[in-house]
């Protein structure tokens, strides 16, 4: 953490919208999308899993319910979102929640088997995206994997609606036309590729996986 709070995008775009974030996510198919993400991540007993940009804790709580023998850590810069995450995760199982930024992870090298993030990456500016990928690679153990769930696909079909709803159109452009796997490869990830996708009324949702080089 830095001495002075950095700017970050709240989960719902504005603090006053935070109570509406989980209902909106459910309406947009976020719960189903996260369930598929957990399946694709192939989490195994004994794994240590980090959810970066955990927000209100929906993904971390889902992992705790499905994988009780896994150590789960959620990280987010928003203390208000983390307060909601704590209540949710306490019901689901044991989850450690930390305050911090995805491009300055407060964890040792090679300390996680999986790093996951859902619907967070598009909020980041280009420098923060590169920093986040660099930090994810640093903390992944040999054989580990980074899994990102976010918007992607064709900019012409998706950009305007997503930009209006999430107030991050300028950063969303970098997600389209295979932008996330390309950036992961640029940052040194191996096997960086889209491994699944689904369509929703808001646009195309992509699942991207990358592994540290052997």
Protein backbone atom coordinates (compact mmCIF):
# COMPACT_ATOMS: atom_id res chain seq x y z
CA UNK A 1 0.00 0.00 0.00
CA UNK A 2 1.05 3.59 -0.55
CA UNK A 3 1.07 6.29 2.10
CA UNK A 4 -1.69 8.19 0.32
CA UNK A 5 -4.83 6.60 -1.13
CA UNK A 6 -4.74 6.22 -4.90
CA UNK A 7 -7.65 6.78 -7.20
CA UNK A 8 -9.65 3.65 -7.98
CA UNK A 9 -12.97 2.92 -9.65
CA UNK A 10 -15.57 1.75 -7.09
CA UNK A 11 -17.25 -1.55 -7.95
CA UNK A 12 -20.48 0.14 -9.06
CA UNK A 13 -18.81 3.24 -10.51
CA UNK A 14 -19.93 5.46 -7.61
CA UNK A 15 -20.05 4.81 -3.86
CA UNK A 16 -23.76 5.59 -3.66
CA UNK A 17 -24.48 2.82 -6.20
CA UNK A 18 -22.69 0.12 -4.17
CA UNK A 19 -25.92 -1.35 -2.66
CA UNK A 20 -27.13 -1.94 -6.22
CA UNK A 21 -23.96 -3.62 -7.43
CA UNK A 22 -24.78 -7.23 -6.56
CA UNK A 23 -28.38 -7.10 -7.87
CA UNK A 24 -27.12 -5.50 -11.10
CA UNK A 25 -24.44 -8.17 -11.48
CA UNK A 26 -27.03 -10.92 -11.08
CA UNK A 27 -29.29 -9.24 -13.63
CA UNK A 28 -26.43 -9.07 -16.11
CA UNK A 29 -25.52 -12.75 -15.62
CA UNK A 30 -22.50 -12.21 -13.41
CA UNK A 31 -23.24 -15.14 -11.09
CA UNK A 32 -23.40 -17.64 -13.94
CA UNK A 33 -20.28 -16.16 -15.51
CA UNK A 34 -18.33 -16.56 -12.27
CA UNK A 35 -19.50 -20.15 -11.82
CA UNK A 36 -18.07 -20.98 -15.23
CA UNK A 37 -14.84 -19.19 -14.33
CA UNK A 38 -14.38 -21.33 -11.22
CA UNK A 39 -14.92 -24.48 -13.32
CA UNK A 40 -12.32 -23.38 -15.87
CA UNK A 41 -9.77 -22.52 -13.17
CA UNK A 42 -9.48 -26.19 -12.14
CA UNK A 43 -8.91 -25.37 -8.48
CA UNK A 44 -7.68 -28.33 -6.44
CA UNK A 45 -7.55 -29.09 -2.70
CA UNK A 46 -4.57 -27.41 -1.10
CA UNK A 47 -4.39 -24.62 -3.64
CA UNK A 48 -3.90 -21.04 -2.55
CA UNK A 49 -6.12 -18.72 -4.59
CA UNK A 50 -6.05 -14.92 -4.89
CA UNK A 51 -9.04 -12.92 -6.14
CA UNK A 52 -7.75 -9.50 -7.22
CA UNK A 53 -10.30 -6.71 -7.36
CA UNK A 54 -12.61 -8.88 -5.28
CA UNK A 55 -15.15 -6.06 -4.75
CA UNK A 56 -18.11 -7.26 -2.72
CA UNK A 57 -16.70 -10.79 -2.53
CA UNK A 58 -18.99 -12.73 -4.86
CA UNK A 59 -16.20 -14.71 -6.54
CA UNK A 60 -14.27 -15.36 -3.32
CA UNK A 61 -17.46 -16.56 -1.58
CA UNK A 62 -18.28 -18.86 -4.51
CA UNK A 63 -14.82 -20.43 -4.38
CA UNK A 64 -15.14 -20.91 -0.61
CA UNK A 65 -18.45 -22.72 -1.03
CA UNK A 66 -17.24 -24.99 -3.82
CA UNK A 67 -13.72 -25.63 -2.53
CA UNK A 68 -13.66 -25.75 1.29
CA UNK A 69 -10.12 -27.18 1.33
CA UNK A 70 -8.62 -24.19 -0.49
CA UNK A 71 -7.02 -21.10 1.03
CA UNK A 72 -8.64 -17.98 -0.46
CA UNK A 73 -7.49 -14.38 -0.32
CA UNK A 74 -9.43 -11.44 -1.72
CA UNK A 75 -7.85 -8.05 -2.39
CA UNK A 76 -9.48 -4.73 -3.26
CA UNK A 77 -8.70 -1.03 -2.67
CA UNK A 78 -12.27 -0.14 -1.68
CA UNK A 79 -12.93 -0.48 2.09
CA UNK A 80 -16.68 -0.09 1.59
CA UNK A 81 -16.81 -2.98 -0.87
CA UNK A 82 -14.61 -5.07 1.43
CA UNK A 83 -17.03 -4.53 4.31
CA UNK A 84 -19.77 -6.10 2.20
CA UNK A 85 -17.37 -8.83 1.11
CA UNK A 86 -16.61 -9.70 4.73
CA UNK A 87 -20.29 -10.31 5.52
CA UNK A 88 -20.71 -12.41 2.40
CA UNK A 89 -17.54 -14.43 2.88
CA UNK A 90 -18.20 -15.08 6.57
CA UNK A 91 -21.34 -16.93 5.50
CA UNK A 92 -19.52 -18.88 2.79
CA UNK A 93 -16.37 -19.97 4.58
CA UNK A 94 -12.93 -18.76 5.55
CA UNK A 95 -11.64 -16.02 3.26
CA UNK A 96 -8.86 -13.55 4.09
CA UNK A 97 -9.59 -10.05 2.80
CA UNK A 98 -6.86 -7.46 2.26
CA UNK A 99 -6.95 -3.86 1.13
CA UNK A 100 -4.55 -3.06 -1.69
CA UNK A 101 -3.97 -2.58 -5.40
CA UNK A 102 -3.59 -5.19 -8.10
CA UNK A 103 -0.36 -3.67 -9.46
CA UNK A 104 1.33 -3.64 -6.03
CA UNK A 105 0.43 -6.98 -4.47
CA UNK A 106 1.55 -7.38 -0.84
CA UNK A 107 2.46 -11.07 -1.19
CA UNK A 108 5.70 -13.03 -1.59
CA UNK A 109 6.93 -14.43 -4.88
CA UNK A 110 5.44 -17.75 -6.00
CA UNK A 111 2.88 -17.78 -3.18
CA UNK A 112 -0.37 -18.57 -5.07
CA UNK A 113 -1.47 -21.42 -7.31
CA UNK A 114 -4.28 -19.47 -8.97
CA UNK A 115 -4.87 -15.75 -9.46
CA UNK A 116 -8.39 -14.88 -10.55
CA UNK A 117 -10.13 -11.63 -11.38
CA UNK A 118 -13.67 -11.03 -12.59
CA UNK A 119 -14.95 -7.86 -14.30
CA UNK A 120 -12.10 -5.76 -12.92
CA UNK A 121 -9.46 -5.60 -15.63
CA UNK A 122 -11.37 -3.20 -17.88
CA UNK A 123 -11.36 -0.56 -15.14
CA UNK A 124 -7.56 -0.27 -15.20
CA UNK A 125 -5.50 2.19 -17.16
CA UNK A 126 -2.88 0.75 -19.49
CA UNK A 127 0.02 1.15 -17.05
CA UNK A 128 -1.97 -0.46 -14.23
CA UNK A 129 -2.92 -3.37 -16.49
CA UNK A 130 0.72 -4.08 -17.21
CA UNK A 131 1.61 -3.72 -13.56
CA UNK A 132 -1.19 -6.09 -12.57
CA UNK A 133 -0.04 -8.75 -15.02
CA UNK A 134 3.58 -8.37 -13.87
CA UNK A 135 2.57 -8.75 -10.25
CA UNK A 136 0.32 -11.74 -10.99
CA UNK A 137 3.21 -13.50 -12.71
CA UNK A 138 5.50 -12.74 -9.79
CA UNK A 139 3.25 -14.29 -7.15
CA UNK A 140 2.23 -17.36 -9.16
CA UNK A 141 3.89 -20.61 -8.14
CA UNK A 142 5.29 -22.99 -10.77
CA UNK A 143 2.39 -24.66 -12.55
CA UNK A 144 0.03 -21.85 -11.53
CA UNK A 145 -2.33 -19.88 -13.74
CA UNK A 146 -3.92 -16.46 -14.07
CA UNK A 147 -7.61 -16.43 -15.04
CA UNK A 148 -9.32 -13.21 -16.14
CA UNK A 149 -13.06 -12.86 -16.76
CA UNK A 150 -13.99 -9.65 -18.51
CA UNK A 151 -15.70 -8.06 -21.48
CA UNK A 152 -14.28 -8.63 -24.93
CA UNK A 153 -15.28 -9.39 -28.49
CA UNK A 154 -16.06 -6.79 -31.12
CA UNK A 155 -15.83 -3.14 -30.15
CA UNK A 156 -18.51 -2.09 -32.60
CA UNK A 157 -21.07 -4.35 -30.95
CA UNK A 158 -20.19 -3.71 -27.33
CA UNK A 159 -18.26 -0.54 -26.69
CA UNK A 160 -21.01 2.06 -26.51
CA UNK A 161 -23.27 0.20 -24.06
CA UNK A 162 -20.45 -0.86 -21.77
CA UNK A 163 -18.95 2.60 -21.76
CA UNK A 164 -22.29 4.10 -20.72
CA UNK A 165 -22.91 1.60 -17.93
CA UNK A 166 -19.43 1.25 -16.48
CA UNK A 167 -17.92 4.69 -17.17
CA UNK A 168 -14.69 3.14 -18.46
CA UNK A 169 -15.01 3.21 -22.26
CA UNK A 170 -11.44 4.40 -22.84
CA UNK A 171 -10.04 1.36 -21.02
CA UNK A 172 -12.53 -1.07 -22.53
CA UNK A 173 -11.11 -0.48 -26.02
CA UNK A 174 -7.99 -2.38 -24.97
CA UNK A 175 -10.08 -5.50 -24.25
CA UNK A 176 -11.40 -5.99 -27.77
CA UNK A 177 -10.08 -8.04 -30.68
CA UNK A 178 -7.96 -10.33 -28.47
CA UNK A 179 -6.40 -7.44 -26.59
CA UNK A 180 -6.13 -9.18 -23.21
CA UNK A 181 -4.29 -12.33 -24.40
CA UNK A 182 -2.00 -10.16 -26.54
CA UNK A 183 -1.09 -8.00 -23.55
CA UNK A 184 -0.50 -11.09 -21.42
CA UNK A 185 1.90 -12.48 -24.01
CA UNK A 186 3.65 -9.11 -24.17
CA UNK A 187 4.16 -9.30 -20.40
CA UNK A 188 5.72 -12.76 -20.66
CA UNK A 189 2.84 -15.15 -19.98
CA UNK A 190 2.86 -18.49 -21.76
CA UNK A 191 -0.26 -20.12 -23.20
CA UNK A 192 -2.10 -16.79 -22.98
CA UNK A 193 -5.40 -17.40 -24.73
CA UNK A 194 -9.15 -17.07 -24.59
CA UNK A 195 -10.39 -20.44 -23.37
CA UNK A 196 -14.13 -19.77 -23.42
CA UNK A 197 -16.69 -17.06 -24.00
CA UNK A 198 -20.39 -16.42 -23.61
CA UNK A 199 -22.84 -13.92 -24.97
CA UNK A 200 -25.12 -11.71 -22.94
CA UNK A 201 -27.38 -8.81 -23.78
CA UNK A 202 -24.66 -6.46 -22.63
CA UNK A 203 -22.05 -8.01 -24.90
CA UNK A 204 -19.46 -10.76 -25.19
CA UNK A 205 -17.82 -12.06 -22.00
CA UNK A 206 -14.44 -13.73 -22.35
CA UNK A 207 -12.42 -16.12 -20.19
CA UNK A 208 -8.67 -15.73 -20.60
CA UNK A 209 -5.95 -17.89 -19.08
CA UNK A 210 -2.20 -17.39 -18.94
CA UNK A 211 0.60 -19.31 -17.26
CA UNK A 212 4.03 -18.20 -16.12
CA UNK A 213 6.82 -19.42 -18.40
CA UNK A 214 8.20 -22.81 -17.43
